Amino acid sequence: PSSLPRIHGLILYQPGHVGVYVGNNMAIDNRSSGEDMKYEEVFGRKNIKWTKWFKLPQITYPTTGWATYDGDKYYYEDGQYVINTIRIIDGISYTFGADGKIVEQKPYTA
């Protein structure tokens, strides 16, 4: 279990190094000059262990409503994207998977 909230763009920190949380337990970072960017799990890493996370005050993070990230739409409630649930939004029934992506959408009929 993790205290990391489901918010795209959080900054991950460990002494001397930072990364960016991109959702679904994944982060990007560049460890050394001349190396390619890395795309790896936040938890379960062998080398760098992130010690804390924070929001940058210069970034506006979603709170409630739709946000598009990397071409996919996510629905945020109380500052985090929803997962493993169904929401009725503007007459459409949306099913969200474990990664927060829409897996099904159809007109809602009561």
Protein backbone atom coordinates (compact mmCIF):
# COMPACT_ATOMS: atom_id res chain seq x y z
CA PRO A 1 0.00 0.00 0.00
CA SER A 2 1.10 3.50 -0.75
CA SER A 3 0.46 7.00 0.45
CA LEU A 4 1.02 8.26 -3.10
CA PRO A 5 -2.22 9.80 -4.34
CA ARG A 6 -3.49 9.18 -7.86
CA ILE A 7 -2.49 12.57 -9.30
CA HIS A 8 -0.65 12.91 -12.60
CA GLY A 9 2.39 15.19 -12.41
CA LEU A 10 3.35 14.79 -8.76
CA ILE A 11 7.04 15.28 -8.11
CA LEU A 12 8.84 12.27 -6.61
CA TYR A 13 11.94 12.89 -4.53
CA GLN A 14 14.90 11.08 -3.10
CA PRO A 15 18.03 12.88 -1.91
CA GLY A 16 19.78 14.34 -4.94
CA HIS A 17 17.18 13.21 -7.46
CA VAL A 18 13.62 13.88 -8.68
CA GLY A 19 11.11 12.20 -10.97
CA VAL A 20 7.55 12.78 -12.15
CA TYR A 21 4.58 10.52 -11.38
CA VAL A 22 2.68 9.72 -14.59
CA GLY A 23 -0.04 7.48 -13.13
CA ASN A 24 -0.69 3.77 -12.63
CA ASN A 25 2.38 3.34 -10.36
CA MET A 26 4.71 4.64 -13.10
CA ALA A 27 7.23 7.49 -13.12
CA ILE A 28 9.73 9.08 -15.48
CA ASP A 29 13.16 10.36 -14.54
CA ASN A 30 16.61 10.96 -15.94
CA ARG A 31 19.25 9.58 -13.61
CA SER A 32 22.48 10.64 -15.23
CA SER A 33 23.72 13.04 -17.85
CA GLY A 34 23.91 11.29 -21.21
CA GLU A 35 21.39 8.57 -20.30
CA ASP A 36 17.94 8.19 -21.79
CA MET A 37 14.86 8.99 -19.75
CA LYS A 38 13.63 6.07 -17.65
CA TYR A 39 10.01 4.91 -17.38
CA GLU A 40 9.65 2.60 -14.38
CA GLU A 41 7.42 1.60 -11.50
CA VAL A 42 7.29 3.94 -8.53
CA PHE A 43 7.13 1.08 -6.02
CA GLY A 44 9.08 -2.13 -6.52
CA ARG A 45 12.22 -0.49 -7.89
CA LYS A 46 15.58 -2.05 -7.12
CA ASN A 47 17.81 1.03 -7.15
CA ILE A 48 16.32 4.45 -6.53
CA LYS A 49 13.71 4.48 -3.77
CA TRP A 50 11.52 7.56 -3.74
CA THR A 51 11.35 8.95 -0.22
CA LYS A 52 8.61 11.57 -0.62
CA TRP A 53 6.25 13.21 -3.06
CA PHE A 54 4.96 16.76 -3.40
CA LYS A 55 3.03 19.13 -5.64
CA LEU A 56 4.77 22.01 -7.36
CA PRO A 57 2.98 25.29 -6.64
CA GLN A 58 3.54 26.36 -10.27
CA ILE A 59 1.34 23.51 -11.56
CA THR A 60 -2.45 23.46 -11.44
CA TYR A 61 -3.47 19.93 -10.53
CA PRO A 62 -6.97 18.59 -11.31
CA THR A 63 -9.44 18.46 -8.43
CA THR A 64 -12.84 17.43 -9.81
CA GLY A 65 -13.77 16.81 -13.44
CA TRP A 66 -12.11 15.60 -16.60
CA ALA A 67 -8.39 15.75 -17.33
CA THR A 68 -6.59 14.44 -20.41
CA TYR A 69 -3.17 12.91 -19.93
CA ASP A 70 -1.11 11.34 -22.71
CA GLY A 71 -4.22 11.19 -24.92
CA ASP A 72 -6.41 9.38 -22.37
CA LYS A 73 -9.26 10.95 -20.40
CA TYR A 74 -9.37 10.58 -16.62
CA TYR A 75 -12.06 11.66 -14.21
CA TYR A 76 -10.92 13.29 -10.97
CA GLU A 77 -12.87 13.42 -7.71
CA ASP A 78 -11.49 14.99 -4.53
CA GLY A 79 -8.15 15.58 -6.24
CA GLN A 80 -7.47 12.01 -7.46
CA TYR A 81 -8.42 10.14 -10.62
CA VAL A 82 -11.05 7.47 -10.03
CA ILE A 83 -10.30 3.76 -10.53
CA ASN A 84 -12.30 0.51 -10.62
CA THR A 85 -15.67 2.23 -10.63
CA ILE A 86 -18.63 3.38 -12.70
CA ARG A 87 -19.74 7.01 -12.82
CA ILE A 88 -22.77 8.58 -14.52
CA ILE A 89 -21.61 11.93 -15.91
CA ASP A 90 -23.82 14.14 -18.07
CA GLY A 91 -26.07 11.21 -19.01
CA ILE A 92 -23.21 8.86 -19.96
CA SER A 93 -22.21 5.78 -17.96
CA TYR A 94 -18.42 5.49 -17.75
CA THR A 95 -16.57 2.43 -16.47
CA PHE A 96 -13.03 3.13 -15.26
CA GLY A 97 -10.36 0.44 -14.97
CA ALA A 98 -7.60 -0.11 -12.41
CA ASP A 99 -5.38 2.38 -14.25
CA GLY A 100 -8.08 5.08 -14.29
CA LYS A 101 -8.66 4.87 -18.03
CA ILE A 102 -12.16 4.59 -19.48
CA VAL A 103 -12.85 0.96 -20.42
CA GLU A 104 -16.49 1.46 -21.45
CA GLN A 105 -18.87 4.32 -22.05
CA LYS A 106 -22.51 4.19 -23.07
CA PRO A 107 -25.66 6.27 -22.72
CA TYR A 108 -27.14 5.89 -19.25
CA THR A 109 -30.66 4.48 -19.01
CA ALA A 110 -32.32 4.36 -15.62
